[in-house]
């Protein structure tokens, strides 16, 4: 399977973003993907390089995580007569030390994640996630990944989903992401 890229070549030393999506709804344990990258590094033959990616699907928030989000996933909705384009989010520190975090992965969408970046020991902070757009955007399934300052450099991924219901009055069609 070939995926569209912004260009079909990469010069030596150059880079190109590549998004690999795991739809984890049908998995309950560890999953694996190995996309192939074809190169012309050999003048005689095309070389195939495999990038191996593993993920562990967690159906519930891991109780050993130092930070617990509430809610654990966020849904947005654009519908006839109704819009949900923001959500409050609370991050609870369940350790005996202050923990800070940074966003290490975020969707390339107009989304604002506004939460204080340091959480005092055994305390919580509240903020919000908001779609920062004046018009409805296409349905999506993406996520934010936070990395914490604890000794394990723990990471937490917060799934985001946006559904669009289009139509007027009683004529409503659902536009969803694949995998629902």
N, C-alpha and C. Protein backbone atom coordinates (compact mmCIF):
# COMPACT_ATOMS: atom_id res chain seq x y z
N UNK A 1 0.84 -1.18 0.00
CA UNK A 1 0.00 0.00 0.00
C UNK A 1 0.89 1.24 0.00
N UNK A 2 0.57 2.17 -0.82
CA UNK A 2 1.32 3.41 -0.94
C UNK A 2 0.53 4.53 -0.27
N UNK A 3 1.23 5.44 0.39
CA UNK A 3 0.55 6.56 1.04
C UNK A 3 0.99 7.86 0.39
N UNK A 4 0.09 8.82 0.31
CA UNK A 4 0.48 10.10 -0.29
C UNK A 4 1.40 10.89 0.64
N UNK A 5 2.46 11.41 0.07
CA UNK A 5 3.39 12.25 0.81
C UNK A 5 3.42 13.62 0.14
N UNK A 6 3.95 14.61 0.85
CA UNK A 6 4.00 15.95 0.26
C UNK A 6 4.95 16.01 -0.94
N UNK A 7 5.91 15.09 -1.03
CA UNK A 7 6.75 14.93 -2.22
C UNK A 7 7.26 13.49 -2.22
N UNK A 8 7.69 13.00 -3.37
CA UNK A 8 8.07 11.58 -3.47
C UNK A 8 9.57 11.35 -3.46
N UNK A 9 10.33 12.29 -2.96
CA UNK A 9 11.78 12.14 -2.86
C UNK A 9 12.26 12.81 -1.58
N UNK A 10 13.40 12.36 -1.09
CA UNK A 10 14.06 12.98 0.06
C UNK A 10 15.53 13.06 -0.28
N UNK A 11 16.08 14.25 -0.25
CA UNK A 11 17.50 14.43 -0.52
C UNK A 11 18.32 13.94 0.67
N UNK A 12 19.58 13.55 0.45
CA UNK A 12 20.42 13.12 1.59
C UNK A 12 20.46 14.20 2.67
N UNK A 13 20.21 13.80 3.90
CA UNK A 13 20.20 14.72 5.03
C UNK A 13 18.88 15.45 5.23
N UNK A 14 17.94 15.30 4.30
CA UNK A 14 16.64 15.95 4.39
C UNK A 14 15.68 15.09 5.21
N UNK A 15 14.51 15.63 5.53
CA UNK A 15 13.51 14.85 6.26
C UNK A 15 12.14 15.12 5.66
N UNK A 16 11.21 14.27 6.00
CA UNK A 16 9.85 14.37 5.51
C UNK A 16 8.93 13.80 6.57
N UNK A 17 7.89 14.53 6.99
CA UNK A 17 6.99 13.98 8.01
C UNK A 17 6.16 12.82 7.44
N UNK A 18 5.97 11.81 8.26
CA UNK A 18 5.18 10.65 7.89
C UNK A 18 4.30 10.30 9.08
N UNK A 19 3.00 10.26 8.87
CA UNK A 19 2.06 9.94 9.94
C UNK A 19 1.62 8.50 9.79
N UNK A 20 1.80 7.72 10.84
CA UNK A 20 1.37 6.32 10.85
C UNK A 20 0.29 6.20 11.92
N UNK A 21 -0.86 5.71 11.52
CA UNK A 21 -2.02 5.67 12.41
C UNK A 21 -2.31 4.23 12.83
N UNK A 22 -2.48 4.04 14.13
CA UNK A 22 -2.92 2.77 14.69
C UNK A 22 -4.39 2.92 15.05
N UNK A 23 -5.28 2.18 14.42
CA UNK A 23 -6.67 2.13 14.86
C UNK A 23 -6.75 0.97 15.85
N UNK A 24 -6.80 1.29 17.12
CA UNK A 24 -6.64 0.27 18.16
C UNK A 24 -7.96 -0.30 18.67
N UNK A 25 -9.09 0.11 18.11
CA UNK A 25 -10.38 -0.32 18.66
C UNK A 25 -10.58 -1.84 18.59
N UNK A 26 -9.95 -2.52 17.67
CA UNK A 26 -10.16 -3.97 17.58
C UNK A 26 -9.03 -4.77 18.22
N UNK A 27 -8.09 -4.09 18.89
CA UNK A 27 -6.98 -4.75 19.55
C UNK A 27 -7.09 -4.57 21.05
N UNK A 28 -6.56 -5.52 21.81
CA UNK A 28 -6.61 -5.42 23.27
C UNK A 28 -5.24 -5.59 23.91
N UNK A 29 -4.23 -5.85 23.12
CA UNK A 29 -2.90 -6.04 23.69
C UNK A 29 -1.88 -5.25 22.87
N UNK A 30 -0.77 -5.86 22.60
CA UNK A 30 0.31 -5.21 21.85
C UNK A 30 0.05 -5.35 20.35
N UNK A 31 0.25 -4.26 19.60
CA UNK A 31 0.07 -4.30 18.15
C UNK A 31 1.35 -3.84 17.48
N UNK A 32 1.48 -4.17 16.21
CA UNK A 32 2.73 -3.98 15.49
C UNK A 32 2.44 -3.51 14.07
N UNK A 33 3.23 -2.57 13.58
CA UNK A 33 3.18 -2.17 12.18
C UNK A 33 4.62 -2.06 11.69
N UNK A 34 4.81 -2.39 10.43
CA UNK A 34 6.15 -2.31 9.84
C UNK A 34 6.05 -1.75 8.43
N UNK A 35 5.91 -0.44 8.30
CA UNK A 35 5.87 0.15 6.96
C UNK A 35 7.24 0.04 6.29
N UNK A 36 7.21 -0.15 4.97
CA UNK A 36 8.44 -0.26 4.19
C UNK A 36 8.78 1.08 3.57
N UNK A 37 10.05 1.40 3.56
CA UNK A 37 10.54 2.60 2.89
C UNK A 37 11.50 2.13 1.81
N UNK A 38 11.20 2.51 0.57
CA UNK A 38 12.02 2.10 -0.57
C UNK A 38 13.04 3.20 -0.86
N UNK A 39 14.30 2.81 -0.98
CA UNK A 39 15.35 3.80 -1.21
C UNK A 39 16.12 3.47 -2.49
N UNK A 40 16.82 4.46 -3.00
CA UNK A 40 17.71 4.26 -4.14
C UNK A 40 19.17 4.40 -3.70
N UNK A 41 19.45 4.00 -2.47
CA UNK A 41 20.81 4.15 -1.93
C UNK A 41 21.81 3.24 -2.63
N UNK A 42 21.34 2.19 -3.28
CA UNK A 42 22.19 1.31 -4.08
C UNK A 42 21.92 1.66 -5.55
N UNK A 43 22.96 1.93 -6.31
CA UNK A 43 22.77 2.35 -7.70
C UNK A 43 22.24 1.24 -8.60
N UNK A 44 22.32 -0.02 -8.14
CA UNK A 44 21.89 -1.14 -8.96
C UNK A 44 20.45 -1.57 -8.65
N UNK A 45 20.09 -1.59 -7.37
CA UNK A 45 18.78 -2.11 -6.99
C UNK A 45 18.11 -1.21 -5.95
N UNK A 46 16.79 -1.30 -5.89
CA UNK A 46 16.04 -0.58 -4.87
C UNK A 46 16.18 -1.33 -3.55
N UNK A 47 16.48 -0.63 -2.50
CA UNK A 47 16.64 -1.22 -1.17
C UNK A 47 15.38 -0.93 -0.36
N UNK A 48 14.93 -1.92 0.37
CA UNK A 48 13.76 -1.75 1.24
C UNK A 48 14.24 -1.67 2.68
N UNK A 49 13.84 -0.61 3.36
CA UNK A 49 14.12 -0.45 4.79
C UNK A 49 12.80 -0.56 5.52
N UNK A 50 12.75 -1.37 6.56
CA UNK A 50 11.53 -1.55 7.34
C UNK A 50 11.63 -0.74 8.63
N UNK A 51 10.58 0.01 8.93
CA UNK A 51 10.49 0.74 10.19
C UNK A 51 9.52 -0.04 11.06
N UNK A 52 10.00 -0.56 12.18
CA UNK A 52 9.15 -1.39 13.03
C UNK A 52 8.60 -0.57 14.18
N UNK A 53 7.29 -0.57 14.31
CA UNK A 53 6.61 0.20 15.35
C UNK A 53 5.73 -0.73 16.19
N UNK A 54 5.85 -0.60 17.50
CA UNK A 54 5.05 -1.38 18.43
C UNK A 54 4.22 -0.43 19.29
N UNK A 55 3.04 -0.86 19.68
CA UNK A 55 2.22 -0.08 20.60
C UNK A 55 1.49 -1.05 21.51
N UNK A 56 1.23 -0.62 22.72
CA UNK A 56 0.45 -1.42 23.66
C UNK A 56 -0.88 -0.71 23.86
N UNK A 57 -1.96 -1.41 23.59
CA UNK A 57 -3.29 -0.83 23.71
C UNK A 57 -3.76 -0.99 25.15
N UNK A 58 -4.12 0.11 25.79
CA UNK A 58 -4.63 0.10 27.15
C UNK A 58 -6.10 0.50 27.11
N UNK A 59 -6.97 -0.38 27.53
CA UNK A 59 -8.40 -0.07 27.48
C UNK A 59 -8.85 0.79 28.66
N UNK A 60 -8.03 0.85 29.69
CA UNK A 60 -8.34 1.72 30.83
C UNK A 60 -7.08 2.51 31.18
N UNK A 61 -7.26 3.59 31.91
CA UNK A 61 -6.11 4.39 32.32
C UNK A 61 -5.24 3.55 33.24
N UNK A 62 -3.97 3.50 32.92
CA UNK A 62 -3.00 2.72 33.67
C UNK A 62 -2.85 3.30 35.08
N UNK A 63 -3.11 2.49 36.09
CA UNK A 63 -3.07 2.99 37.47
C UNK A 63 -1.66 3.26 37.97
N UNK A 64 -0.63 2.87 37.20
CA UNK A 64 0.72 3.20 37.63
C UNK A 64 1.20 4.52 37.02
N UNK A 65 0.39 5.14 36.17
CA UNK A 65 0.76 6.44 35.61
C UNK A 65 0.82 7.49 36.71
N UNK A 66 1.80 8.38 36.67
CA UNK A 66 1.88 9.42 37.71
C UNK A 66 0.80 10.48 37.58
N UNK A 67 0.28 10.66 36.37
CA UNK A 67 -0.76 11.66 36.11
C UNK A 67 -1.97 10.95 35.52
N UNK A 68 -3.14 11.29 36.04
CA UNK A 68 -4.39 10.69 35.53
C UNK A 68 -5.28 11.80 34.98
N UNK A 69 -5.66 11.69 33.70
CA UNK A 69 -6.51 12.72 33.11
C UNK A 69 -7.99 12.43 33.35
N UNK A 70 -8.78 13.46 33.38
CA UNK A 70 -10.23 13.32 33.47
C UNK A 70 -10.86 14.41 32.60
N UNK A 71 -11.50 14.07 31.52
CA UNK A 71 -11.76 12.73 30.98
C UNK A 71 -10.49 12.14 30.35
N UNK A 72 -10.52 10.84 30.10
CA UNK A 72 -9.34 10.19 29.52
C UNK A 72 -9.33 10.31 28.00
N UNK A 73 -10.42 10.75 27.40
CA UNK A 73 -10.47 11.03 25.96
C UNK A 73 -11.45 12.16 25.74
N UNK A 74 -11.29 12.89 24.63
CA UNK A 74 -12.08 14.08 24.38
C UNK A 74 -12.78 13.96 23.04
N UNK A 75 -14.08 14.29 23.01
CA UNK A 75 -14.86 14.26 21.77
C UNK A 75 -15.40 15.64 21.46
N UNK A 76 -15.31 16.00 20.19
CA UNK A 76 -15.87 17.26 19.70
C UNK A 76 -17.01 16.91 18.74
N UNK A 77 -17.93 17.85 18.55
CA UNK A 77 -19.09 17.59 17.69
C UNK A 77 -19.50 18.85 16.96
N UNK A 78 -19.69 18.72 15.66
CA UNK A 78 -20.31 19.78 14.87
C UNK A 78 -21.61 19.19 14.33
N UNK A 79 -22.73 19.76 14.72
CA UNK A 79 -24.02 19.23 14.30
C UNK A 79 -24.98 20.38 14.02
N UNK A 80 -26.02 20.06 13.30
CA UNK A 80 -27.05 21.06 13.00
C UNK A 80 -27.61 21.59 14.32
N UNK A 81 -27.43 22.87 14.56
CA UNK A 81 -27.98 23.49 15.77
C UNK A 81 -27.18 23.26 17.03
N UNK A 82 -26.06 22.54 16.95
CA UNK A 82 -25.30 22.25 18.16
C UNK A 82 -23.82 22.09 17.83
N UNK A 83 -22.96 22.67 18.65
CA UNK A 83 -21.52 22.53 18.46
C UNK A 83 -20.87 22.31 19.82
N UNK A 84 -20.01 21.31 19.89
CA UNK A 84 -19.17 21.11 21.07
C UNK A 84 -17.74 21.19 20.55
N UNK A 85 -17.09 22.36 20.74
CA UNK A 85 -15.76 22.54 20.20
C UNK A 85 -14.70 22.74 21.29
N UNK A 86 -15.08 22.48 22.56
CA UNK A 86 -14.11 22.57 23.65
C UNK A 86 -14.51 21.63 24.77
N UNK A 87 -13.54 21.31 25.59
CA UNK A 87 -13.78 20.43 26.74
C UNK A 87 -12.82 20.79 27.86
N UNK A 88 -13.31 20.79 29.07
CA UNK A 88 -12.43 20.95 30.23
C UNK A 88 -11.67 19.66 30.44
N UNK A 89 -10.45 19.78 30.93
CA UNK A 89 -9.66 18.59 31.23
C UNK A 89 -8.92 18.82 32.54
N UNK A 90 -8.86 17.80 33.37
CA UNK A 90 -8.17 17.85 34.65
C UNK A 90 -7.05 16.82 34.63
N UNK A 91 -5.86 17.22 35.07
CA UNK A 91 -4.74 16.30 35.22
C UNK A 91 -4.43 16.19 36.71
N UNK A 92 -4.52 14.96 37.24
CA UNK A 92 -4.31 14.71 38.67
C UNK A 92 -2.96 14.04 38.89
N UNK A 93 -2.13 14.65 39.71
CA UNK A 93 -0.82 14.10 40.08
C UNK A 93 -1.02 13.20 41.29
N UNK A 94 -0.75 11.91 41.15
CA UNK A 94 -0.96 10.97 42.25
C UNK A 94 0.36 10.57 42.92
N UNK A 95 1.40 11.39 42.72
CA UNK A 95 2.71 11.09 43.33
C UNK A 95 3.01 12.09 44.44
N UNK A 96 4.13 11.85 45.12
CA UNK A 96 4.58 12.73 46.20
C UNK A 96 5.58 13.78 45.72
N UNK A 97 5.68 13.97 44.42
CA UNK A 97 6.60 14.99 43.90
C UNK A 97 5.90 15.85 42.85
N UNK A 98 6.35 17.08 42.73
CA UNK A 98 5.82 17.95 41.68
C UNK A 98 6.25 17.38 40.33
N UNK A 99 5.35 17.44 39.37
CA UNK A 99 5.64 16.91 38.03
C UNK A 99 5.27 17.96 37.00
N UNK A 100 6.17 18.15 36.06
CA UNK A 100 5.86 19.03 34.93
C UNK A 100 5.76 18.15 33.69
N UNK A 101 5.27 18.73 32.61
CA UNK A 101 5.14 17.96 31.38
C UNK A 101 5.38 18.87 30.19
N UNK A 102 5.64 18.21 29.08
CA UNK A 102 5.70 18.92 27.80
C UNK A 102 4.92 18.10 26.78
N UNK A 103 4.40 18.78 25.79
CA UNK A 103 3.69 18.10 24.71
C UNK A 103 4.74 17.61 23.73
N UNK A 104 4.81 16.29 23.53
CA UNK A 104 5.81 15.73 22.62
C UNK A 104 5.21 15.34 21.28
N UNK A 105 3.89 15.27 21.20
CA UNK A 105 3.23 15.00 19.92
C UNK A 105 1.85 15.62 19.96
N UNK A 106 1.49 16.30 18.89
CA UNK A 106 0.19 16.95 18.82
C UNK A 106 -0.30 16.90 17.39
N UNK A 107 -1.62 16.96 17.20
CA UNK A 107 -2.15 16.93 15.84
C UNK A 107 -1.85 18.23 15.10
N UNK A 108 -1.72 18.13 13.80
CA UNK A 108 -1.52 19.30 12.96
C UNK A 108 -2.89 19.88 12.60
N UNK A 109 -3.57 20.36 13.62
CA UNK A 109 -4.92 20.92 13.49
C UNK A 109 -5.00 22.17 14.36
N UNK A 110 -5.99 23.04 14.11
CA UNK A 110 -6.11 24.25 14.94
C UNK A 110 -6.71 23.93 16.31
N UNK A 111 -5.92 23.26 17.16
CA UNK A 111 -6.39 22.84 18.47
C UNK A 111 -5.51 23.48 19.55
N UNK A 112 -6.15 24.06 20.56
CA UNK A 112 -5.45 24.68 21.67
C UNK A 112 -5.54 23.74 22.87
N UNK A 113 -4.40 23.45 23.50
CA UNK A 113 -4.35 22.64 24.72
C UNK A 113 -3.80 23.56 25.79
N UNK A 114 -4.64 24.02 26.69
CA UNK A 114 -4.28 25.03 27.68
C UNK A 114 -4.43 24.44 29.08
N UNK A 115 -3.30 23.99 29.64
CA UNK A 115 -3.27 23.41 30.99
C UNK A 115 -1.95 23.84 31.62
N UNK A 116 -1.94 24.25 32.90
CA UNK A 116 -0.67 24.58 33.54
C UNK A 116 0.32 23.41 33.40
N UNK A 117 1.58 23.72 33.10
CA UNK A 117 2.53 22.66 32.78
C UNK A 117 3.21 22.03 33.99
N UNK A 118 2.94 22.52 35.18
CA UNK A 118 3.46 21.90 36.40
C UNK A 118 2.29 21.56 37.31
N UNK A 119 2.34 20.33 37.85
CA UNK A 119 1.28 19.85 38.73
C UNK A 119 1.92 19.51 40.06
N UNK A 120 1.50 20.19 41.11
CA UNK A 120 2.05 19.97 42.45
C UNK A 120 1.75 18.54 42.92
N UNK A 121 2.58 18.04 43.85
CA UNK A 121 2.40 16.70 44.40
C UNK A 121 1.00 16.52 44.97
N UNK A 122 0.39 15.38 44.68
CA UNK A 122 -0.94 15.03 45.18
C UNK A 122 -1.96 16.15 44.95
N UNK A 123 -1.89 16.76 43.79
CA UNK A 123 -2.78 17.86 43.47
C UNK A 123 -3.28 17.71 42.05
N UNK A 124 -4.07 18.67 41.60
CA UNK A 124 -4.58 18.61 40.24
C UNK A 124 -4.59 20.00 39.63
N UNK A 125 -4.60 20.03 38.29
CA UNK A 125 -4.74 21.27 37.54
C UNK A 125 -5.87 21.07 36.53
N UNK A 126 -6.55 22.16 36.21
CA UNK A 126 -7.64 22.09 35.25
C UNK A 126 -7.37 23.07 34.13
N UNK A 127 -7.71 22.67 32.94
CA UNK A 127 -7.55 23.51 31.77
C UNK A 127 -8.57 23.11 30.73
N UNK A 128 -8.25 23.33 29.46
CA UNK A 128 -9.20 22.99 28.41
C UNK A 128 -8.49 22.62 27.12
N UNK A 129 -9.22 21.92 26.27
CA UNK A 129 -8.82 21.60 24.91
C UNK A 129 -9.90 22.20 24.03
N UNK A 130 -9.50 22.95 22.99
CA UNK A 130 -10.47 23.66 22.18
C UNK A 130 -10.05 23.64 20.72
N UNK A 131 -11.04 23.45 19.85
CA UNK A 131 -10.80 23.62 18.42
C UNK A 131 -10.84 25.12 18.16
N UNK A 132 -9.75 25.66 17.68
CA UNK A 132 -9.63 27.10 17.47
C UNK A 132 -9.89 27.43 16.00
N UNK A 133 -11.17 27.32 15.62
CA UNK A 133 -11.55 27.56 14.23
C UNK A 133 -12.95 28.16 14.22
N UNK A 134 -13.17 29.10 13.30
CA UNK A 134 -14.49 29.72 13.19
C UNK A 134 -15.48 28.85 12.42
N UNK A 135 -14.99 27.86 11.71
CA UNK A 135 -15.87 26.99 10.92
C UNK A 135 -15.64 25.54 11.32
N UNK A 136 -16.62 24.71 11.02
CA UNK A 136 -16.49 23.29 11.33
C UNK A 136 -15.33 22.71 10.54
N UNK A 137 -14.58 21.81 11.15
CA UNK A 137 -13.48 21.16 10.45
C UNK A 137 -13.87 19.71 10.20
N UNK A 138 -13.15 19.05 9.31
CA UNK A 138 -13.47 17.68 8.95
C UNK A 138 -13.35 16.74 10.15
N UNK A 139 -14.12 15.66 10.10
CA UNK A 139 -14.05 14.65 11.15
C UNK A 139 -12.61 14.13 11.27
N UNK A 140 -12.19 13.81 12.49
CA UNK A 140 -10.84 13.29 12.69
C UNK A 140 -10.76 12.46 13.94
N UNK A 141 -9.72 11.64 14.00
CA UNK A 141 -9.30 10.93 15.20
C UNK A 141 -7.81 11.18 15.32
N UNK A 142 -7.41 11.91 16.35
CA UNK A 142 -6.00 12.26 16.57
C UNK A 142 -5.73 12.15 18.07
N UNK A 143 -4.56 12.64 18.51
CA UNK A 143 -4.26 12.61 19.94
C UNK A 143 -3.15 13.59 20.28
N UNK A 144 -3.07 13.90 21.58
CA UNK A 144 -1.96 14.64 22.18
C UNK A 144 -1.16 13.64 22.99
N UNK A 145 0.16 13.75 22.97
CA UNK A 145 0.98 12.92 23.85
C UNK A 145 1.81 13.83 24.74
N UNK A 146 1.70 13.60 26.04
CA UNK A 146 2.43 14.38 27.04
C UNK A 146 3.55 13.51 27.61
N UNK A 147 4.71 14.13 27.86
CA UNK A 147 5.81 13.43 28.53
C UNK A 147 6.05 14.13 29.86
N UNK A 148 6.11 13.35 30.94
CA UNK A 148 6.22 13.90 32.29
C UNK A 148 7.67 13.89 32.78
N UNK A 149 7.93 14.70 33.81
CA UNK A 149 9.28 14.85 34.35
C UNK A 149 9.62 13.82 35.43
N UNK A 150 8.79 12.79 35.61
CA UNK A 150 9.12 11.76 36.59
C UNK A 150 10.35 10.98 36.12
N UNK A 151 10.93 10.17 36.98
CA UNK A 151 12.18 9.48 36.66
C UNK A 151 12.04 8.53 35.46
N UNK A 152 10.83 8.01 35.23
CA UNK A 152 10.61 7.09 34.11
C UNK A 152 10.30 7.83 32.81
N UNK A 153 10.19 9.15 32.87
CA UNK A 153 9.79 9.94 31.69
C UNK A 153 8.50 9.37 31.10
N UNK A 154 7.51 9.14 31.98
CA UNK A 154 6.24 8.55 31.58
C UNK A 154 5.58 9.39 30.51
N UNK A 155 4.81 8.72 29.66
CA UNK A 155 4.05 9.41 28.62
C UNK A 155 2.58 9.04 28.73
N UNK A 156 1.75 9.99 28.36
CA UNK A 156 0.30 9.79 28.37
C UNK A 156 -0.26 10.33 27.07
N UNK A 157 -1.06 9.52 26.39
CA UNK A 157 -1.70 9.95 25.16
C UNK A 157 -3.18 10.17 25.43
N UNK A 158 -3.66 11.34 25.02
CA UNK A 158 -5.07 11.70 25.20
C UNK A 158 -5.73 11.68 23.83
N UNK A 159 -6.61 10.70 23.58
CA UNK A 159 -7.29 10.63 22.27
C UNK A 159 -8.27 11.78 22.07
N UNK A 160 -8.32 12.30 20.85
CA UNK A 160 -9.27 13.33 20.45
C UNK A 160 -10.08 12.81 19.28
N UNK A 161 -11.37 13.11 19.28
CA UNK A 161 -12.24 12.68 18.19
C UNK A 161 -13.18 13.82 17.84
N UNK A 162 -13.37 14.06 16.55
CA UNK A 162 -14.32 15.08 16.11
C UNK A 162 -15.29 14.42 15.14
N UNK A 163 -16.58 14.55 15.42
CA UNK A 163 -17.63 14.04 14.55
C UNK A 163 -18.37 15.20 13.92
N UNK A 164 -18.75 15.04 12.68
CA UNK A 164 -19.53 16.06 11.99
C UNK A 164 -20.86 15.46 11.57
N UNK A 165 -21.94 16.09 11.97
CA UNK A 165 -23.26 15.72 11.52
C UNK A 165 -23.71 16.83 10.60
N UNK A 166 -23.99 16.50 9.34
CA UNK A 166 -24.34 17.53 8.38
C UNK A 166 -25.76 17.36 7.89
N UNK A 167 -26.39 18.45 7.50
CA UNK A 167 -27.75 18.41 7.00
C UNK A 167 -28.54 19.56 7.56
N UNK A 168 -29.80 19.61 7.24
CA UNK A 168 -30.67 20.66 7.77
C UNK A 168 -31.92 20.02 8.32
N UNK A 169 -32.33 20.48 9.46
CA UNK A 169 -33.56 19.96 10.06
C UNK A 169 -33.49 18.47 10.27
N UNK A 170 -34.49 17.73 9.74
CA UNK A 170 -34.56 16.28 9.94
C UNK A 170 -33.66 15.49 9.02
N UNK A 171 -33.04 16.15 8.02
CA UNK A 171 -32.19 15.46 7.07
C UNK A 171 -30.75 15.49 7.57
N UNK A 172 -30.37 14.52 8.38
CA UNK A 172 -29.05 14.53 9.01
C UNK A 172 -28.29 13.28 8.59
N UNK A 173 -27.06 13.48 8.13
CA UNK A 173 -26.16 12.38 7.78
C UNK A 173 -24.95 12.44 8.70
N UNK A 174 -24.41 11.29 9.03
CA UNK A 174 -23.27 11.23 9.92
C UNK A 174 -22.00 11.12 9.10
N UNK A 175 -21.06 12.00 9.37
CA UNK A 175 -19.75 11.93 8.73
C UNK A 175 -18.76 11.59 9.84
N UNK A 176 -18.28 10.36 9.83
CA UNK A 176 -17.40 9.87 10.90
C UNK A 176 -16.07 9.44 10.34
N UNK A 177 -15.14 9.20 11.22
CA UNK A 177 -13.85 8.65 10.85
C UNK A 177 -14.01 7.15 10.66
N UNK A 178 -13.15 6.52 9.82
CA UNK A 178 -13.20 5.08 9.70
C UNK A 178 -12.85 4.41 11.02
N UNK A 179 -13.36 3.24 11.23
CA UNK A 179 -13.03 2.49 12.43
C UNK A 179 -14.02 2.67 13.57
N UNK A 180 -15.09 3.42 13.36
CA UNK A 180 -16.09 3.58 14.42
C UNK A 180 -17.02 2.40 14.47
